[in-house]
Amino acid sequence: MAFFREENGARVQPKEVMCVGIAADHGGYELRQFLFIKLCDAGYEVSDFGDHRAKMDDDYPNYVIPMAQAVAAGKVERGVAICGSGVGACVAANKVPGVRACLIHESFSAHQGVEDDNW
């Protein structure tokens, strides 16, 4: 996912640190760990909504819905919700009033969802 904008081929840091929420169940546990580190290394403030242990009996709504509520309340600016397919996490997040979630698998859709389709 691309969170930086470019000017003349160079990455430009945001003026303020963006706070990003991240949440996953067991289906996305390893990817959540990887993205958490990458986002922190890129200079983002990351709020981790879990799951904090890989448990096969956990369920994505337990983590995705609190993160989506944080997005709706303005406590985090963006959220990354991960489950086995991405579809369930997206459906759960979209049930939270004030949240628009979409399944993203490449940077073009991420930009479109935030910059063009968010009306």
PDB file of N, CA and C in Angstrom:
ATOM      1  N   MET A   1       0.839  -1.169   0.000  1.00  0.00           N
ATOM      2  CA  MET A   1       0.000   0.000   0.000  1.00  0.00           C
ATOM      3  C   MET A   1       0.884   1.232   0.000  1.00  0.00           C
ATOM      4  N   ALA A   2       0.501   2.235  -0.747  1.00  0.00           N
ATOM      5  CA  ALA A   2       1.303   3.450  -0.847  1.00  0.00           C
ATOM      6  C   ALA A   2       0.658   4.553  -0.027  1.00  0.00           C
ATOM      7  N   PHE A   3       1.355   4.992   0.997  1.00  0.00           N
ATOM      8  CA  PHE A   3       0.842   6.057   1.845  1.00  0.00           C
ATOM      9  C   PHE A   3       1.566   7.370   1.616  1.00  0.00           C
ATOM     10  N   PHE A   4       2.649   7.337   0.872  1.00  0.00           N
ATOM     11  CA  PHE A   4       3.390   8.549   0.597  1.00  0.00           C
ATOM     12  C   PHE A   4       3.002   9.099  -0.764  1.00  0.00           C
ATOM     13  N   ARG A   5       3.088  10.387  -0.906  1.00  0.00           N
ATOM     14  CA  ARG A   5       2.899  10.965  -2.230  1.00  0.00           C
ATOM     15  C   ARG A   5       4.277  11.284  -2.788  1.00  0.00           C
ATOM     16  N   GLU A   6       4.343  11.444  -4.083  1.00  0.00           N
ATOM     17  CA  GLU A   6       5.618  11.728  -4.729  1.00  0.00           C
ATOM     18  C   GLU A   6       5.571  13.079  -5.417  1.00  0.00           C
ATOM     19  N   GLU A   7       6.691  13.752  -5.409  1.00  0.00           N
ATOM     20  CA  GLU A   7       6.891  14.986  -6.158  1.00  0.00           C
ATOM     21  C   GLU A   7       8.208  14.865  -6.888  1.00  0.00           C
ATOM     22  N   ASN A   8       8.171  14.991  -8.188  1.00  0.00           N
ATOM     23  CA  ASN A   8       9.371  14.889  -9.013  1.00  0.00           C
ATOM     24  C   ASN A   8      10.153  13.596  -8.746  1.00  0.00           C
ATOM     25  N   GLY A   9       9.424  12.508  -8.557  1.00  0.00           N
ATOM     26  CA  GLY A   9      10.047  11.208  -8.360  1.00  0.00           C
ATOM     27  C   GLY A   9      10.572  10.944  -6.963  1.00  0.00           C
ATOM     28  N   ALA A  10      10.411  11.893  -6.036  1.00  0.00           N
ATOM     29  CA  ALA A  10      10.902  11.703  -4.674  1.00  0.00           C
ATOM     30  C   ALA A  10       9.725  11.581  -3.710  1.00  0.00           C
ATOM     31  N   ARG A  11       9.859  10.698  -2.739  1.00  0.00           N
ATOM     32  CA  ARG A  11       8.826  10.535  -1.732  1.00  0.00           C
ATOM     33  C   ARG A  11       8.795  11.742  -0.815  1.00  0.00           C
ATOM     34  N   VAL A  12       7.598  12.220  -0.521  1.00  0.00           N
ATOM     35  CA  VAL A  12       7.417  13.371   0.354  1.00  0.00           C
ATOM     36  C   VAL A  12       6.718  12.899   1.618  1.00  0.00           C
ATOM     37  N   GLN A  13       7.341  13.170   2.762  1.00  0.00           N
ATOM     38  CA  GLN A  13       6.755  12.803   4.044  1.00  0.00           C
ATOM     39  C   GLN A  13       5.525  13.668   4.301  1.00  0.00           C
ATOM     40  N   PRO A  14       4.489  13.107   4.914  1.00  0.00           N
ATOM     41  CA  PRO A  14       3.366  13.943   5.331  1.00  0.00           C
ATOM     42  C   PRO A  14       3.836  14.971   6.359  1.00  0.00           C
ATOM     43  N   LYS A  15       3.158  16.102   6.417  1.00  0.00           N
ATOM     44  CA  LYS A  15       3.548  17.139   7.365  1.00  0.00           C
ATOM     45  C   LYS A  15       3.333  16.693   8.806  1.00  0.00           C
ATOM     46  N   GLU A  16       2.285  15.960   9.054  1.00  0.00           N
ATOM     47  CA  GLU A  16       2.021  15.430  10.378  1.00  0.00           C
ATOM     48  C   GLU A  16       2.063  13.910  10.294  1.00  0.00           C
ATOM     49  N   VAL A  17       2.334  13.286  11.394  1.00  0.00           N
ATOM     50  CA  VAL A  17       2.381  11.832  11.424  1.00  0.00           C
ATOM     51  C   VAL A  17       0.958  11.286  11.363  1.00  0.00           C
ATOM     52  N   MET A  18       0.705  10.433  10.401  1.00  0.00           N
ATOM     53  CA  MET A  18      -0.604   9.813  10.274  1.00  0.00           C
ATOM     54  C   MET A  18      -0.693   8.626  11.226  1.00  0.00           C
ATOM     55  N   CYS A  19      -1.813   8.522  11.905  1.00  0.00           N
ATOM     56  CA  CYS A  19      -2.053   7.380  12.780  1.00  0.00           C
ATOM     57  C   CYS A  19      -2.896   6.366  12.018  1.00  0.00           C
ATOM     58  N   VAL A  20      -2.377   5.152  11.921  1.00  0.00           N
ATOM     59  CA  VAL A  20      -3.023   4.070  11.193  1.00  0.00           C
ATOM     60  C   VAL A  20      -3.362   2.963  12.180  1.00  0.00           C
ATOM     61  N   GLY A  21      -4.596   2.459  12.100  1.00  0.00           N
ATOM     62  CA  GLY A  21      -4.994   1.313  12.903  1.00  0.00           C
ATOM     63  C   GLY A  21      -4.780   0.035  12.104  1.00  0.00           C
ATOM     64  N   ILE A  22      -4.477  -1.040  12.799  1.00  0.00           N
ATOM     65  CA  ILE A  22      -4.298  -2.321  12.124  1.00  0.00           C
ATOM     66  C   ILE A  22      -4.941  -3.406  12.991  1.00  0.00           C
ATOM     67  N   ALA A  23      -5.640  -4.339  12.332  1.00  0.00           N
ATOM     68  CA  ALA A  23      -6.331  -5.411  13.053  1.00  0.00           C
ATOM     69  C   ALA A  23      -6.395  -6.653  12.187  1.00  0.00           C
ATOM     70  N   ALA A  24      -6.311  -7.811  12.826  1.00  0.00           N
ATOM     71  CA  ALA A  24      -6.396  -9.074  12.094  1.00  0.00           C
ATOM     72  C   ALA A  24      -6.772 -10.204  13.038  1.00  0.00           C
ATOM     73  N   ASP A  25      -7.402 -11.221  12.477  1.00  0.00           N
ATOM     74  CA  ASP A  25      -7.609 -12.458  13.217  1.00  0.00           C
ATOM     75  C   ASP A  25      -6.486 -13.426  12.853  1.00  0.00           C
ATOM     76  N   HIS A  26      -6.644 -14.700  13.201  1.00  0.00           N
ATOM     77  CA  HIS A  26      -5.590 -15.677  12.922  1.00  0.00           C
ATOM     78  C   HIS A  26      -5.256 -15.782  11.434  1.00  0.00           C
ATOM     79  N   GLY A  27      -6.240 -15.537  10.565  1.00  0.00           N
ATOM     80  CA  GLY A  27      -6.002 -15.623   9.124  1.00  0.00           C
ATOM     81  C   GLY A  27      -5.059 -14.554   8.595  1.00  0.00           C
ATOM     82  N   GLY A  28      -4.937 -13.458   9.320  1.00  0.00           N
ATOM     83  CA  GLY A  28      -4.061 -12.379   8.884  1.00  0.00           C
ATOM     84  C   GLY A  28      -2.986 -12.032   9.890  1.00  0.00           C
ATOM     85  N   TYR A  29      -2.796 -12.898  10.871  1.00  0.00           N
ATOM     86  CA  TYR A  29      -1.867 -12.609  11.972  1.00  0.00           C
ATOM     87  C   TYR A  29      -0.452 -12.298  11.485  1.00  0.00           C
ATOM     88  N   GLU A  30       0.098 -13.152  10.650  1.00  0.00           N
ATOM     89  CA  GLU A  30       1.483 -12.938  10.184  1.00  0.00           C
ATOM     90  C   GLU A  30       1.597 -11.687   9.327  1.00  0.00           C
ATOM     91  N   LEU A  31       0.621 -11.430   8.451  1.00  0.00           N
ATOM     92  CA  LEU A  31       0.649 -10.222   7.629  1.00  0.00           C
ATOM     93  C   LEU A  31       0.520  -8.980   8.499  1.00  0.00           C
ATOM     94  N   ARG A  32      -0.315  -9.035   9.545  1.00  0.00           N
ATOM     95  CA  ARG A  32      -0.457  -7.896  10.455  1.00  0.00           C
ATOM     96  C   ARG A  32       0.878  -7.587  11.119  1.00  0.00           C
ATOM     97  N   GLN A  33       1.585  -8.607  11.573  1.00  0.00           N
ATOM     98  CA  GLN A  33       2.902  -8.388  12.191  1.00  0.00           C
ATOM     99  C   GLN A  33       3.857  -7.720  11.204  1.00  0.00           C
ATOM    100  N   PHE A  34       3.900  -8.212   9.985  1.00  0.00           N
ATOM    101  CA  PHE A  34       4.780  -7.667   8.953  1.00  0.00           C
ATOM    102  C   PHE A  34       4.429  -6.214   8.648  1.00  0.00           C
ATOM    103  N   LEU A  35       3.139  -5.932   8.426  1.00  0.00           N
ATOM    104  CA  LEU A  35       2.717  -4.566   8.092  1.00  0.00           C
ATOM    105  C   LEU A  35       2.917  -3.602   9.261  1.00  0.00           C
ATOM    106  N   PHE A  36       2.723  -4.081  10.472  1.00  0.00           N
ATOM    107  CA  PHE A  36       2.947  -3.238  11.641  1.00  0.00           C
ATOM    108  C   PHE A  36       4.378  -2.703  11.638  1.00  0.00           C
ATOM    109  N   ILE A  37       5.340  -3.577  11.433  1.00  0.00           N
ATOM    110  CA  ILE A  37       6.752  -3.176  11.404  1.00  0.00           C
ATOM    111  C   ILE A  37       7.015  -2.225  10.237  1.00  0.00           C
ATOM    112  N   LYS A  38       6.494  -2.550   9.056  1.00  0.00           N
ATOM    113  CA  LYS A  38       6.707  -1.698   7.875  1.00  0.00           C
ATOM    114  C   LYS A  38       6.119  -0.306   8.077  1.00  0.00           C
ATOM    115  N   LEU A  39       4.927  -0.226   8.635  1.00  0.00           N
ATOM    116  CA  LEU A  39       4.295   1.075   8.866  1.00  0.00           C
ATOM    117  C   LEU A  39       5.087   1.890   9.888  1.00  0.00           C
ATOM    118  N   CYS A  40       5.524   1.241  10.962  1.00  0.00           N
ATOM    119  CA  CYS A  40       6.340   1.942  11.968  1.00  0.00           C
ATOM    120  C   CYS A  40       7.645   2.429  11.353  1.00  0.00           C
ATOM    121  N   ASP A  41       8.287   1.569  10.580  1.00  0.00           N
ATOM    122  CA  ASP A  41       9.547   1.951   9.928  1.00  0.00           C
ATOM    123  C   ASP A  41       9.356   3.112   8.950  1.00  0.00           C
ATOM    124  N   ALA A  42       8.163   3.207   8.366  1.00  0.00           N
ATOM    125  CA  ALA A  42       7.875   4.287   7.416  1.00  0.00           C
ATOM    126  C   ALA A  42       7.499   5.589   8.127  1.00  0.00           C
ATOM    127  N   GLY A  43       7.440   5.567   9.445  1.00  0.00           N
ATOM    128  CA  GLY A  43       7.189   6.794  10.192  1.00  0.00           C
ATOM    129  C   GLY A  43       5.758   7.006  10.630  1.00  0.00           C
ATOM    130  N   TYR A  44       4.905   6.015  10.473  1.00  0.00           N
ATOM    131  CA  TYR A  44       3.514   6.149  10.902  1.00  0.00           C
ATOM    132  C   TYR A  44       3.371   5.785  12.371  1.00  0.00           C
ATOM    133  N   GLU A  45       2.425   6.416  13.015  1.00  0.00           N
ATOM    134  CA  GLU A  45       2.015   5.995  14.349  1.00  0.00           C
ATOM    135  C   GLU A  45       1.000   4.881  14.113  1.00  0.00           C
ATOM    136  N   VAL A  46       1.190   3.730  14.719  1.00  0.00           N
ATOM    137  CA  VAL A  46       0.324   2.579  14.455  1.00  0.00           C
ATOM    138  C   VAL A  46      -0.370   2.157  15.741  1.00  0.00           C
ATOM    139  N   SER A  47      -1.689   2.100  15.688  1.00  0.00           N
ATOM    140  CA  SER A  47      -2.483   1.571  16.795  1.00  0.00           C
ATOM    141  C   SER A  47      -2.841   0.136  16.454  1.00  0.00           C
ATOM    142  N   ASP A  48      -2.375  -0.781  17.267  1.00  0.00           N
ATOM    143  CA  ASP A  48      -2.555  -2.210  17.016  1.00  0.00           C
ATOM    144  C   ASP A  48      -3.781  -2.710  17.774  1.00  0.00           C
ATOM    145  N   PHE A  49      -4.801  -3.132  17.030  1.00  0.00           N
ATOM    146  CA  PHE A  49      -6.043  -3.620  17.620  1.00  0.00           C
ATOM    147  C   PHE A  49      -6.058  -5.138  17.759  1.00  0.00           C
ATOM    148  N   GLY A  50      -4.936  -5.800  17.446  1.00  0.00           N
ATOM    149  CA  GLY A  50      -4.815  -7.245  17.638  1.00  0.00           C
ATOM    150  C   GLY A  50      -5.240  -8.037  16.415  1.00  0.00           C
ATOM    151  N   ASP A  51      -5.278  -9.260  16.541  1.00  0.00           N
ATOM    152  CA  ASP A  51      -5.018 -10.114  17.664  1.00  0.00           C
ATOM    153  C   ASP A  51      -3.515 -10.157  17.954  1.00  0.00           C
ATOM    154  N   HIS A  52      -3.155 -10.255  19.215  1.00  0.00           N
ATOM    155  CA  HIS A  52      -1.751 -10.205  19.604  1.00  0.00           C
ATOM    156  C   HIS A  52      -1.116 -11.575  19.740  1.00  0.00           C
ATOM    157  N   ARG A  53      -1.903 -12.608  19.555  1.00  0.00           N
ATOM    158  CA  ARG A  53      -1.409 -13.992  19.518  1.00  0.00           C
ATOM    159  C   ARG A  53      -2.157 -14.715  18.418  1.00  0.00           C
ATOM    160  N   ALA A  54      -1.496 -15.639  17.763  1.00  0.00           N
ATOM    161  CA  ALA A  54      -2.148 -16.433  16.711  1.00  0.00           C
ATOM    162  C   ALA A  54      -3.013 -17.498  17.378  1.00  0.00           C
ATOM    163  N   LYS A  55      -4.326 -17.268  17.412  1.00  0.00           N
ATOM    164  CA  LYS A  55      -5.265 -18.213  18.016  1.00  0.00           C
ATOM    165  C   LYS A  55      -6.262 -18.643  16.935  1.00  0.00           C
ATOM    166  N   MET A  56      -6.341 -19.915  16.683  1.00  0.00           N
ATOM    167  CA  MET A  56      -7.209 -20.419  15.618  1.00  0.00           C
ATOM    168  C   MET A  56      -8.691 -20.195  15.896  1.00  0.00           C
ATOM    169  N   ASP A  57      -9.080 -19.960  17.141  1.00  0.00           N
ATOM    170  CA  ASP A  57     -10.501 -19.792  17.452  1.00  0.00           C
ATOM    171  C   ASP A  57     -10.917 -18.324  17.570  1.00  0.00           C
ATOM    172  N   ASP A  58     -10.029 -17.393  17.204  1.00  0.00           N
ATOM    173  CA  ASP A  58     -10.431 -15.989  17.245  1.00  0.00           C
ATOM    174  C   ASP A  58     -11.264 -15.663  16.006  1.00  0.00           C
ATOM    175  N   ASP A  59     -11.833 -14.468  15.971  1.00  0.00           N
ATOM    176  CA  ASP A  59     -12.696 -14.101  14.859  1.00  0.00           C
ATOM    177  C   ASP A  59     -12.498 -12.622  14.541  1.00  0.00           C
ATOM    178  N   TYR A  60     -12.386 -12.308  13.254  1.00  0.00           N
ATOM    179  CA  TYR A  60     -12.040 -10.954  12.826  1.00  0.00           C
ATOM    180  C   TYR A  60     -12.934  -9.844  13.373  1.00  0.00           C
ATOM    181  N   PRO A  61     -14.256 -10.020  13.548  1.00  0.00           N
ATOM    182  CA  PRO A  61     -15.045  -8.892  14.057  1.00  0.00           C
ATOM    183  C   PRO A  61     -14.578  -8.392  15.425  1.00  0.00           C
ATOM    184  N   ASN A  62     -13.999  -9.293  16.230  1.00  0.00           N
ATOM    185  CA  ASN A  62     -13.522  -8.889  17.562  1.00  0.00           C
ATOM    186  C   ASN A  62     -12.416  -7.846  17.494  1.00  0.00           C
ATOM    187  N   TYR A  63     -11.710  -7.772  16.372  1.00  0.00           N
ATOM    188  CA  TYR A  63     -10.584  -6.852  16.217  1.00  0.00           C
ATOM    189  C   TYR A  63     -10.892  -5.748  15.198  1.00  0.00           C
ATOM    190  N   VAL A  64     -11.588  -6.118  14.143  1.00  0.00           N
ATOM    191  CA  VAL A  64     -11.873  -5.177  13.059  1.00  0.00           C
ATOM    192  C   VAL A  64     -12.898  -4.129  13.491  1.00  0.00           C
ATOM    193  N   ILE A  65     -13.933  -4.527  14.184  1.00  0.00           N
ATOM    194  CA  ILE A  65     -14.977  -3.565  14.564  1.00  0.00           C
ATOM    195  C   ILE A  65     -14.431  -2.490  15.514  1.00  0.00           C
ATOM    196  N   PRO A  66     -13.659  -2.821  16.575  1.00  0.00           N
ATOM    197  CA  PRO A  66     -13.085  -1.734  17.386  1.00  0.00           C
ATOM    198  C   PRO A  66     -12.173  -0.806  16.580  1.00  0.00           C
ATOM    199  N   MET A  67     -11.429  -1.357  15.628  1.00  0.00           N
ATOM    200  CA  MET A  67     -10.578  -0.501  14.802  1.00  0.00           C
ATOM    201  C   MET A  67     -11.438   0.412  13.928  1.00  0.00           C
ATOM    202  N   ALA A  68     -12.481  -0.145  13.326  1.00  0.00           N
ATOM    203  CA  ALA A  68     -13.371   0.672  12.490  1.00  0.00           C
ATOM    204  C   ALA A  68     -14.047   1.758  13.316  1.00  0.00           C
ATOM    205  N   GLN A  69     -14.413   1.441  14.548  1.00  0.00           N
ATOM    206  CA  GLN A  69     -15.005   2.451  15.432  1.00  0.00           C
ATOM    207  C   GLN A  69     -13.994   3.559  15.736  1.00  0.00           C
ATOM    208  N   ALA A  70     -12.720   3.202  15.861  1.00  0.00           N
ATOM    209  CA  ALA A  70     -11.672   4.203  16.084  1.00  0.00           C
ATOM    210  C   ALA A  70     -11.514   5.099  14.861  1.00  0.00           C
ATOM    211  N   VAL A  71     -11.640   4.524  13.665  1.00  0.00           N
ATOM    212  CA  VAL A  71     -11.594   5.331  12.437  1.00  0.00           C
ATOM    213  C   VAL A  71     -12.774   6.295  12.424  1.00  0.00           C
ATOM    214  N   ALA A  72     -13.966   5.784  12.701  1.00  0.00           N
ATOM    215  CA  ALA A  72     -15.174   6.623  12.680  1.00  0.00           C
ATOM    216  C   ALA A  72     -15.098   7.745  13.712  1.00  0.00           C
ATOM    217  N   ALA A  73     -14.460   7.484  14.854  1.00  0.00           N
ATOM    218  CA  ALA A  73     -14.337   8.483  15.922  1.00  0.00           C
ATOM    219  C   ALA A  73     -13.177   9.445  15.699  1.00  0.00           C
ATOM    220  N   GLY A  74     -12.366   9.197  14.656  1.00  0.00           N
ATOM    221  CA  GLY A  74     -11.231  10.073  14.383  1.00  0.00           C
ATOM    222  C   GLY A  74     -10.011   9.791  15.241  1.00  0.00           C
ATOM    223  N   LYS A  75      -9.997   8.665  15.943  1.00  0.00           N
ATOM    224  CA  LYS A  75      -8.838   8.317  16.768  1.00  0.00           C
ATOM    225  C   LYS A  75      -7.681   7.804  15.921  1.00  0.00           C
ATOM    226  N   VAL A  76      -7.984   7.214  14.774  1.00  0.00           N
ATOM    227  CA  VAL A  76      -6.988   6.848  13.766  1.00  0.00           C
ATOM    228  C   VAL A  76      -7.505   7.354  12.423  1.00  0.00           C
ATOM    229  N   GLU A  77      -6.595   7.700  11.529  1.00  0.00           N
ATOM    230  CA  GLU A  77      -7.001   8.273  10.254  1.00  0.00           C
ATOM    231  C   GLU A  77      -7.370   7.224   9.215  1.00  0.00           C
ATOM    232  N   ARG A  78      -6.681   6.107   9.245  1.00  0.00           N
ATOM    233  CA  ARG A  78      -6.918   5.021   8.299  1.00  0.00           C
ATOM    234  C   ARG A  78      -6.824   3.712   9.055  1.00  0.00           C
ATOM    235  N   GLY A  79      -7.408   2.673   8.486  1.00  0.00           N
ATOM    236  CA  GLY A  79      -7.337   1.362   9.104  1.00  0.00           C
ATOM    237  C   GLY A  79      -6.975   0.296   8.096  1.00  0.00           C
ATOM    238  N   VAL A  80      -6.268  -0.714   8.558  1.00  0.00           N
ATOM    239  CA  VAL A  80      -5.930  -1.886   7.757  1.00  0.00           C
ATOM    240  C   VAL A  80      -6.520  -3.082   8.484  1.00  0.00           C
ATOM    241  N   ALA A  81      -7.507  -3.723   7.863  1.00  0.00           N
ATOM    242  CA  ALA A  81      -8.179  -4.872   8.460  1.00  0.00           C
ATOM    243  C   ALA A  81      -7.835  -6.113   7.641  1.00  0.00           C
ATOM    244  N   ILE A  82      -7.408  -7.172   8.330  1.00  0.00           N
ATOM    245  CA  ILE A  82      -6.933  -8.359   7.629  1.00  0.00           C
ATOM    246  C   ILE A  82      -7.624  -9.596   8.192  1.00  0.00           C
ATOM    247  N   CYS A  83      -8.120 -10.432   7.279  1.00  0.00           N
ATOM    248  CA  CYS A  83      -8.612 -11.759   7.647  1.00  0.00           C
ATOM    249  C   CYS A  83      -8.154 -12.709   6.546  1.00  0.00           C
ATOM    250  N   GLY A  84      -8.637 -13.921   6.539  1.00  0.00           N
ATOM    251  CA  GLY A  84      -8.169 -14.903   5.561  1.00  0.00           C
ATOM    252  C   GLY A  84      -8.338 -14.460   4.120  1.00  0.00           C
ATOM    253  N   SER A  85      -9.498 -13.924   3.771  1.00  0.00           N
ATOM    254  CA  SER A  85      -9.750 -13.504   2.394  1.00  0.00           C
ATOM    255  C   SER A  85      -9.780 -11.988   2.240  1.00  0.00           C
ATOM    256  N   GLY A  86     -10.010 -11.269   3.321  1.00  0.00           N
ATOM    257  CA  GLY A  86     -10.191  -9.823   3.267  1.00  0.00           C
ATOM    258  C   GLY A  86     -11.647  -9.419   3.133  1.00  0.00           C
ATOM    259  N   VAL A  87     -12.475 -10.316   2.652  1.00  0.00           N
ATOM    260  CA  VAL A  87     -13.888 -10.006   2.427  1.00  0.00           C
ATOM    261  C   VAL A  87     -14.634  -9.838   3.747  1.00  0.00           C
ATOM    262  N   GLY A  88     -14.467 -10.765   4.672  1.00  0.00           N
ATOM    263  CA  GLY A  88     -15.167 -10.682   5.951  1.00  0.00           C
ATOM    264  C   GLY A  88     -14.790  -9.446   6.741  1.00  0.00           C
ATOM    265  N   ALA A  89     -13.499  -9.132   6.776  1.00  0.00           N
ATOM    266  CA  ALA A  89     -13.041  -7.942   7.493  1.00  0.00           C
ATOM    267  C   ALA A  89     -13.642  -6.689   6.872  1.00  0.00           C
ATOM    268  N   CYS A  90     -13.746  -6.661   5.563  1.00  0.00           N
ATOM    269  CA  CYS A  90     -14.326  -5.520   4.851  1.00  0.00           C
ATOM    270  C   CYS A  90     -15.811  -5.376   5.186  1.00  0.00           C
ATOM    271  N   VAL A  91     -16.535  -6.489   5.175  1.00  0.00           N
ATOM    272  CA  VAL A  91     -17.964  -6.466   5.499  1.00  0.00           C
ATOM    273  C   VAL A  91     -18.163  -5.981   6.930  1.00  0.00           C
ATOM    274  N   ALA A  92     -17.379  -6.497   7.871  1.00  0.00           N
ATOM    275  CA  ALA A  92     -17.501  -6.092   9.275  1.00  0.00           C
ATOM    276  C   ALA A  92     -17.236  -4.599   9.440  1.00  0.00           C
ATOM    277  N   ALA A  93     -16.181  -4.097   8.826  1.00  0.00           N
ATOM    278  CA  ALA A  93     -15.843  -2.677   8.944  1.00  0.00           C
ATOM    279  C   ALA A  93     -16.939  -1.792   8.351  1.00  0.00           C
ATOM    280  N   ASN A  94     -17.530  -2.227   7.253  1.00  0.00           N
ATOM    281  CA  ASN A  94     -18.580  -1.430   6.610  1.00  0.00           C
ATOM    282  C   ASN A  94     -19.868  -1.368   7.420  1.00  0.00           C
ATOM    283  N   LYS A  95     -20.018  -2.199   8.425  1.00  0.00           N
ATOM    284  CA  LYS A  95     -21.199  -2.146   9.287  1.00  0.00           C
ATOM    285  C   LYS A  95     -21.097  -1.028  10.322  1.00  0.00           C
ATOM    286  N   VAL A  96     -19.924  -0.442  10.467  1.00  0.00           N
ATOM    287  CA  VAL A  96     -19.721   0.643  11.431  1.00  0.00           C
ATOM    288  C   VAL A  96     -20.087   1.959  10.750  1.00  0.00           C
ATOM    289  N   PRO A  97     -21.066   2.689  11.300  1.00  0.00           N
ATOM    290  CA  PRO A  97     -21.457   3.967  10.691  1.00  0.00           C
ATOM    291  C   PRO A  97     -20.260   4.914  10.567  1.00  0.00           C
ATOM    292  N   GLY A  98     -20.153   5.542   9.403  1.00  0.00           N
ATOM    293  CA  GLY A  98     -19.082   6.497   9.155  1.00  0.00           C
ATOM    294  C   GLY A  98     -17.823   5.886   8.572  1.00  0.00           C
ATOM    295  N   VAL A  99     -17.847   4.583   8.300  1.00  0.00           N
ATOM    296  CA  VAL A  99     -16.673   3.896   7.763  1.00  0.00           C
ATOM    297  C   VAL A  99     -16.985   3.391   6.362  1.00  0.00           C
ATOM    298  N   ARG A 100     -16.023   3.552   5.483  1.00  0.00           N
ATOM    299  CA  ARG A 100     -16.091   2.954   4.143  1.00  0.00           C
ATOM    300  C   ARG A 100     -14.862   2.078   3.994  1.00  0.00           C
ATOM    301  N   ALA A 101     -15.093   0.792   3.834  1.00  0.00           N
ATOM    302  CA  ALA A 101     -13.990  -0.153   3.698  1.00  0.00           C
ATOM    303  C   ALA A 101     -14.085  -0.841   2.344  1.00  0.00           C
ATOM    304  N   CYS A 102     -12.938  -1.139   1.778  1.00  0.00           N
ATOM    305  CA  CYS A 102     -12.914  -1.856   0.502  1.00  0.00           C
ATOM    306  C   CYS A 102     -11.740  -2.823   0.495  1.00  0.00           C
ATOM    307  N   LEU A 103     -11.877  -3.855  -0.305  1.00  0.00           N
ATOM    308  CA  LEU A 103     -10.837  -4.863  -0.421  1.00  0.00           C
ATOM    309  C   LEU A 103      -9.765  -4.334  -1.362  1.00  0.00           C
ATOM    310  N   ILE A 104      -8.543  -4.243  -0.854  1.00  0.00           N
ATOM    311  CA  ILE A 104      -7.428  -3.667  -1.597  1.00  0.00           C
ATOM    312  C   ILE A 104      -6.339  -4.714  -1.758  1.00  0.00           C
ATOM    313  N   HIS A 105      -5.847  -4.855  -2.976  1.00  0.00           N
ATOM    314  CA  HIS A 105      -4.750  -5.786  -3.207  1.00  0.00           C
ATOM    315  C   HIS A 105      -3.612  -5.171  -4.008  1.00  0.00           C
ATOM    316  N   GLU A 106      -3.719  -3.879  -4.304  1.00  0.00           N
ATOM    317  CA  GLU A 106      -2.629  -3.177  -4.994  1.00  0.00           C
ATOM    318  C   GLU A 106      -2.795  -1.678  -4.760  1.00  0.00           C
ATOM    319  N   SER A 107      -1.771  -0.907  -5.063  1.00  0.00           N
ATOM    320  CA  SER A 107      -1.749   0.506  -4.677  1.00  0.00           C
ATOM    321  C   SER A 107      -2.743   1.380  -5.434  1.00  0.00           C
ATOM    322  N   PHE A 108      -3.067   1.071  -6.690  1.00  0.00           N
ATOM    323  CA  PHE A 108      -4.009   1.902  -7.435  1.00  0.00           C
ATOM    324  C   PHE A 108      -5.364   1.949  -6.736  1.00  0.00           C
ATOM    325  N   SER A 109      -5.866   0.790  -6.336  1.00  0.00           N
ATOM    326  CA  SER A 109      -7.167   0.741  -5.655  1.00  0.00           C
ATOM    327  C   SER A 109      -7.119   1.458  -4.311  1.00  0.00           C
ATOM    328  N   ALA A 110      -5.995   1.360  -3.610  1.00  0.00           N
ATOM    329  CA  ALA A 110      -5.855   2.064  -2.337  1.00  0.00           C
ATOM    330  C   ALA A 110      -5.978   3.566  -2.549  1.00  0.00           C
ATOM    331  N   HIS A 111      -5.290   4.094  -3.546  1.00  0.00           N
ATOM    332  CA  HIS A 111      -5.387   5.526  -3.846  1.00  0.00           C
ATOM    333  C   HIS A 111      -6.789   5.899  -4.282  1.00  0.00           C
ATOM    334  N   GLN A 112      -7.385   5.126  -5.159  1.00  0.00           N
ATOM    335  CA  GLN A 112      -8.743   5.413  -5.643  1.00  0.00           C
ATOM    336  C   GLN A 112      -9.738   5.431  -4.488  1.00  0.00           C
ATOM    337  N   GLY A 113      -9.629   4.456  -3.602  1.00  0.00           N
ATOM    338  CA  GLY A 113     -10.574   4.355  -2.497  1.00  0.00           C
ATOM    339  C   GLY A 113     -10.529   5.542  -1.559  1.00  0.00           C
ATOM    340  N   VAL A 114      -9.358   6.115  -1.376  1.00  0.00           N
ATOM    341  CA  VAL A 114      -9.196   7.234  -0.454  1.00  0.00           C
ATOM    342  C   VAL A 114      -9.364   8.569  -1.161  1.00  0.00           C
ATOM    343  N   GLU A 115      -8.786   8.707  -2.340  1.00  0.00           N
ATOM    344  CA  GLU A 115      -8.732  10.017  -2.990  1.00  0.00           C
ATOM    345  C   GLU A 115      -9.892  10.289  -3.945  1.00  0.00           C
ATOM    346  N   ASP A 116     -10.472   9.261  -4.556  1.00  0.00           N
ATOM    347  CA  ASP A 116     -11.475   9.494  -5.580  1.00  0.00           C
ATOM    348  C   ASP A 116     -12.847   8.957  -5.207  1.00  0.00           C
ATOM    349  N   ASP A 117     -12.891   7.797  -4.593  1.00  0.00           N
ATOM    350  CA  ASP A 117     -14.168   7.132  -4.339  1.00  0.00           C
ATOM    351  C   ASP A 117     -14.766   7.464  -2.988  1.00  0.00           C
ATOM    352  N   ASN A 118     -14.085   8.220  -2.154  1.00  0.00           N
ATOM    353  CA  ASN A 118     -14.546   8.545  -0.810  1.00  0.00           C
ATOM    354  C   ASN A 118     -15.455   9.773  -0.837  1.00  0.00           C
ATOM    355  N   TRP A 119     -16.653   9.627  -1.315  1.00  0.00           N
ATOM    356  CA  TRP A 119     -17.586  10.760  -1.382  1.00  0.00           C
ATOM    357  C   TRP A 119     -18.804  10.511  -0.604  1.00  0.00           C
TER     358      TRP A 119
END
